[in-house]
Amino acid sequence: MVDSLGFSAGRLSSLLALVLTLPAAALAAPAVSTSATVQQILDGKELFIDARQAVVKQKASAPQDISTGNSRGQLAFTSGAVGRLNRNSQLQLGDSCFLLSQGQILVSGAQSGCTRSSRLSVRGTNYLLEVNDNQEAELSVLEGSVEVETLQNGEPTGAAPTRVEAGQKLRLSPQGVILTLLKLSSGDYTGILNGPLFEGFSIPLPAMGALDSYIRANVPGVSIPGMPGIPAIPGAPSVPSFGLPRFF
């Protein structure tokens, strides 16, 4: 007997038997790898993909490295989120997240990030992630929320994740141990909004509206420079540190 697609009953049975014997991993959907396109380069041309000088509109895909010297750069992730790299920063694109190994990145939108000892899961937010030379990390959630999961050798430890809400900053040891969880002050916001991850960029962040709304409602006296109808913030110190070396 032959069906409408031209397969005999015997052949259909053989194909079904083959599918049933395949391992689950072979039937699973492939992992979604992170990729990013260079949108903007500021302060020279020192933005690199795999140690080679990159140009605007160039695309990088996992597992490629993206790094900066004395330049800053803006990346558009395939998730729809945008990341802004500060000077002297380095990240590697991977499956479902990027790995920041040095420097600072500001993320706007639904893009998860990782350090060597933690994974940051988001559904759409604005956050700042910093990793210093000692592999200590600080996460500042400007708007939205981020769940931080501890990793060991790149794998989850099974410990319950820590939820970091808007207006909070979390400091982590190189092993992913929580050192401090503090509230972001208005001075912290002012320093970030007037710092190198906002100054000079001309392409807007995708979640800028959500950030603006949160700041207006929850951070009195602070506003985003250059937003329509909003006066620029007077000069302020650069992005706040937590007693660690800066990367700019």
Protein backbone atom coordinates (compact mmCIF):
# COMPACT_ATOMS: atom_id res chain seq x y z
CA MET A 1 0.00 0.00 0.00
CA VAL A 2 1.36 3.47 -0.91
CA ASP A 3 0.17 6.68 0.76
CA SER A 4 -0.48 10.03 -0.95
CA LEU A 5 3.18 11.08 -0.46
CA GLY A 6 4.48 7.97 -2.14
CA PHE A 7 5.71 6.13 0.97
CA SER A 8 4.85 2.48 1.45
CA ALA A 9 3.48 1.36 4.81
CA GLY A 10 6.66 -0.61 5.41
CA ARG A 11 8.89 2.39 4.79
CA LEU A 12 6.78 4.62 7.04
CA SER A 13 7.14 2.05 9.81
CA SER A 14 10.91 1.99 9.34
CA LEU A 15 11.16 5.78 9.47
CA LEU A 16 9.05 5.90 12.63
CA ALA A 17 11.23 3.28 14.27
CA LEU A 18 14.35 5.28 13.41
CA VAL A 19 12.94 8.47 14.92
CA LEU A 20 11.98 6.66 18.11
CA THR A 21 15.54 5.37 18.53
CA LEU A 22 17.15 8.82 18.20
CA PRO A 23 18.48 10.33 21.44
CA ALA A 24 16.51 13.18 22.92
CA ALA A 25 19.37 15.60 22.26
CA ALA A 26 19.12 14.96 18.53
CA LEU A 27 15.43 15.91 18.54
CA ALA A 28 15.82 19.00 20.71
CA ALA A 29 15.78 22.47 19.17
CA PRO A 30 19.28 23.83 18.60
CA ALA A 31 20.62 26.31 21.17
CA VAL A 32 20.17 29.93 20.20
CA SER A 33 23.60 31.52 19.85
CA THR A 34 24.14 35.17 20.60
CA SER A 35 25.24 37.46 17.79
CA ALA A 36 25.71 41.21 17.62
CA THR A 37 26.17 43.91 14.99
CA VAL A 38 28.35 46.97 15.56
CA GLN A 39 26.13 50.07 15.47
CA GLN A 40 28.45 52.82 16.60
CA ILE A 41 32.11 53.35 17.54
CA LEU A 42 33.20 56.39 19.55
CA ASP A 43 36.60 57.85 20.48
CA GLY A 44 38.63 56.38 17.65
CA LYS A 45 38.61 52.96 16.03
CA GLU A 46 39.69 50.65 18.83
CA LEU A 47 36.80 48.20 18.75
CA PHE A 48 37.83 44.69 17.78
CA ILE A 49 36.23 41.38 16.81
CA ASP A 50 38.61 38.49 17.51
CA ALA A 51 41.43 41.04 17.92
CA ARG A 52 40.84 42.49 14.43
CA GLN A 53 39.68 46.08 14.00
CA ALA A 54 35.92 46.16 13.44
CA VAL A 55 33.76 48.61 11.51
CA VAL A 56 30.17 49.79 11.82
CA LYS A 57 27.62 47.24 10.51
CA GLN A 58 30.05 44.36 11.02
CA LYS A 59 28.48 41.30 12.64
CA ALA A 60 29.99 38.99 15.23
CA SER A 61 28.60 35.60 16.22
CA ALA A 62 29.30 33.08 18.98
CA PRO A 63 31.95 32.21 20.01
CA GLN A 64 33.68 35.37 18.79
CA ASP A 65 35.21 37.96 21.13
CA ILE A 66 34.40 41.68 21.06
CA SER A 67 36.76 44.07 22.82
CA THR A 68 37.61 47.75 23.09
CA GLY A 69 40.81 49.67 23.73
CA ASN A 70 40.46 53.43 24.15
CA SER A 71 37.18 53.45 22.21
CA ARG A 72 33.56 52.87 23.20
CA GLY A 73 31.02 51.00 21.11
CA GLN A 74 27.34 50.16 20.70
CA LEU A 75 26.17 46.68 19.69
CA ALA A 76 22.77 45.51 18.46
CA PHE A 77 22.03 41.96 19.64
CA THR A 78 19.79 39.64 17.66
CA SER A 79 17.47 39.57 20.69
CA GLY A 80 16.57 43.19 19.90
CA ALA A 81 18.53 44.50 22.86
CA VAL A 82 21.43 46.94 22.65
CA GLY A 83 24.70 46.87 24.55
CA ARG A 84 27.15 49.73 25.05
CA LEU A 85 30.74 48.79 25.83
CA ASN A 86 32.98 51.12 27.78
CA ARG A 87 36.70 51.50 27.12
CA ASN A 88 39.00 48.55 27.87
CA SER A 89 36.19 45.98 27.93
CA GLN A 90 36.01 42.43 26.64
CA LEU A 91 33.15 40.00 26.11
CA GLN A 92 32.60 36.71 24.33
CA LEU A 93 29.38 35.84 22.55
CA GLY A 94 27.91 32.48 23.55
CA ASP A 95 24.75 30.40 23.65
CA SER A 96 21.89 32.60 24.92
CA CYS A 97 24.19 35.06 26.74
CA PHE A 98 27.41 37.01 26.44
CA LEU A 99 30.32 36.51 28.85
CA LEU A 100 31.80 39.76 30.16
CA SER A 101 35.33 39.09 31.36
CA GLN A 102 36.52 42.67 31.79
CA GLY A 103 35.18 46.21 31.78
CA GLN A 104 31.64 47.57 31.60
CA ILE A 105 28.57 47.02 29.46
CA LEU A 106 25.22 48.80 29.62
CA VAL A 107 22.39 46.58 28.35
CA SER A 108 18.98 47.87 27.29
CA GLY A 109 16.40 45.22 26.41
CA ALA A 110 15.99 41.47 26.79
CA GLN A 111 19.57 40.26 26.62
CA SER A 112 21.01 37.98 29.28
CA GLY A 113 24.62 38.30 30.32
CA CYS A 114 27.13 36.18 32.20
CA THR A 115 30.30 36.50 34.21
CA ARG A 116 32.55 33.55 34.95
CA SER A 117 30.60 32.84 38.13
CA SER A 118 27.07 34.08 37.42
CA ARG A 119 24.28 34.25 34.87
CA LEU A 120 21.96 37.26 34.61
CA SER A 121 18.51 36.41 33.28
CA VAL A 122 16.30 39.26 32.06
CA ARG A 123 13.08 39.72 30.11
CA GLY A 124 13.66 43.32 29.19
CA THR A 125 15.41 45.84 31.35
CA ASN A 126 18.23 48.37 31.60
CA TYR A 127 21.24 47.24 33.58
CA LEU A 128 24.93 47.99 33.96
CA LEU A 129 27.42 45.15 34.46
CA GLU A 130 31.05 45.66 35.47
CA VAL A 131 33.86 43.13 35.95
CA ASN A 132 37.23 44.27 37.31
CA ASP A 133 40.71 42.80 36.97
CA ASN A 134 40.14 40.59 40.02
CA GLN A 135 36.95 39.17 38.48
CA GLU A 136 34.76 40.84 41.10
CA ALA A 137 31.52 42.00 39.49
CA GLU A 138 28.91 44.64 40.14
CA LEU A 139 25.41 44.66 38.67
CA SER A 140 23.36 47.88 38.76
CA VAL A 141 19.72 47.47 37.71
CA LEU A 142 18.56 50.86 36.45
CA GLU A 143 15.05 49.67 35.54
CA GLY A 144 13.26 46.31 35.48
CA SER A 145 14.71 43.33 37.32
CA VAL A 146 17.44 40.73 36.87
CA GLU A 147 17.73 37.22 38.31
CA VAL A 148 21.30 36.29 39.21
CA GLU A 149 22.17 32.60 39.22
CA THR A 150 25.48 31.33 40.61
CA LEU A 151 27.63 29.24 38.26
CA GLN A 152 30.48 26.85 38.94
CA ASN A 153 32.64 25.83 35.99
CA GLY A 154 29.98 27.34 33.75
CA GLU A 155 27.14 25.27 35.20
CA PRO A 156 24.38 26.26 37.66
CA THR A 157 25.08 25.27 41.26
CA GLY A 158 21.41 24.61 42.01
CA ALA A 159 21.21 27.46 44.51
CA ALA A 160 18.12 29.65 44.30
CA PRO A 161 18.69 32.73 42.13
CA THR A 162 18.83 36.20 43.63
CA ARG A 163 16.39 38.73 42.21
CA VAL A 164 17.83 42.23 41.87
CA GLU A 165 15.13 44.85 41.47
CA ALA A 166 15.19 48.26 39.81
CA GLY A 167 17.18 50.74 41.86
CA GLN A 168 19.50 48.11 43.38
CA LYS A 169 23.14 47.16 42.86
CA LEU A 170 24.66 43.78 43.64
CA ARG A 171 28.34 43.10 44.21
CA LEU A 172 29.68 39.58 43.61
CA SER A 173 32.94 37.86 44.50
CA PRO A 174 34.89 35.99 41.79
CA GLN A 175 33.15 32.82 43.05
CA GLY A 176 29.69 34.36 42.67
CA VAL A 177 29.18 34.96 46.40
CA ILE A 178 27.01 37.99 47.17
CA LEU A 179 29.11 40.60 48.96
CA THR A 180 26.62 43.48 49.10
CA LEU A 181 23.12 44.33 47.89
CA LEU A 182 22.50 48.06 48.14
CA LYS A 183 20.10 50.71 46.90
CA LEU A 184 21.21 52.92 44.03
CA SER A 185 21.26 56.55 45.12
CA SER A 186 20.25 59.52 43.01
CA GLY A 187 23.99 60.26 42.80
CA ASP A 188 24.59 56.80 41.35
CA TYR A 189 21.97 57.44 38.66
CA THR A 190 23.36 60.89 37.90
CA GLY A 191 26.88 59.53 37.55
CA ILE A 192 25.77 56.74 35.20
CA LEU A 193 23.54 58.95 33.04
CA ASN A 194 26.33 61.50 32.64
CA GLY A 195 29.03 58.88 32.19
CA PRO A 196 30.74 57.25 29.20
CA LEU A 197 27.92 54.77 28.53
CA PHE A 198 25.48 57.58 27.73
CA GLU A 199 27.62 60.53 26.67
CA GLY A 200 28.11 60.93 22.91
CA PHE A 201 25.94 58.03 21.70
CA SER A 202 23.45 59.08 19.01
CA ILE A 203 21.51 55.83 18.49
CA PRO A 204 18.82 55.57 21.21
CA LEU A 205 18.45 52.59 23.52
CA PRO A 206 15.43 50.36 22.78
CA ALA A 207 14.21 50.47 26.39
CA MET A 208 15.00 54.16 26.94
CA GLY A 209 11.30 55.00 27.41
CA ALA A 210 10.94 52.48 30.23
CA LEU A 211 14.09 53.82 31.88
CA ASP A 212 12.85 57.40 31.58
CA SER A 213 9.47 56.49 33.10
CA TYR A 214 11.08 54.69 36.03
CA ILE A 215 13.47 57.54 36.77
CA ARG A 216 10.71 60.16 36.61
CA ALA A 217 8.57 58.17 39.06
CA ASN A 218 11.24 56.92 41.45
CA VAL A 219 14.39 59.03 41.35
CA PRO A 220 13.49 62.66 42.19
CA GLY A 221 15.71 65.34 40.73
CA VAL A 222 17.30 63.06 38.11
CA SER A 223 16.56 62.91 34.38
CA ILE A 224 18.14 61.46 31.25
CA PRO A 225 20.21 64.00 29.31
CA GLY A 226 18.93 64.71 25.82
CA MET A 227 15.45 63.26 26.29
CA PRO A 228 12.80 65.47 24.60
CA GLY A 229 11.60 68.17 26.92
CA ILE A 230 14.03 67.17 29.64
CA PRO A 231 16.87 69.52 30.63
CA ALA A 232 20.38 68.11 30.66
CA ILE A 233 21.81 67.09 34.02
CA PRO A 234 24.66 69.33 35.26
CA GLY A 235 28.15 67.89 35.25
CA ALA A 236 28.62 64.98 37.64
CA PRO A 237 31.26 62.39 38.48
CA SER A 238 31.63 59.35 36.24
CA VAL A 239 29.95 55.98 36.79
CA PRO A 240 30.12 55.17 40.53
CA SER A 241 32.57 52.49 41.62
CA PHE A 242 32.56 50.17 44.59
CA GLY A 243 36.17 50.71 45.60
CA LEU A 244 37.55 48.85 42.58
CA PRO A 245 39.67 49.98 39.60
CA ARG A 246 37.68 51.70 36.85
CA PHE A 247 37.93 50.78 33.20
CA PHE A 248 37.95 54.25 31.65
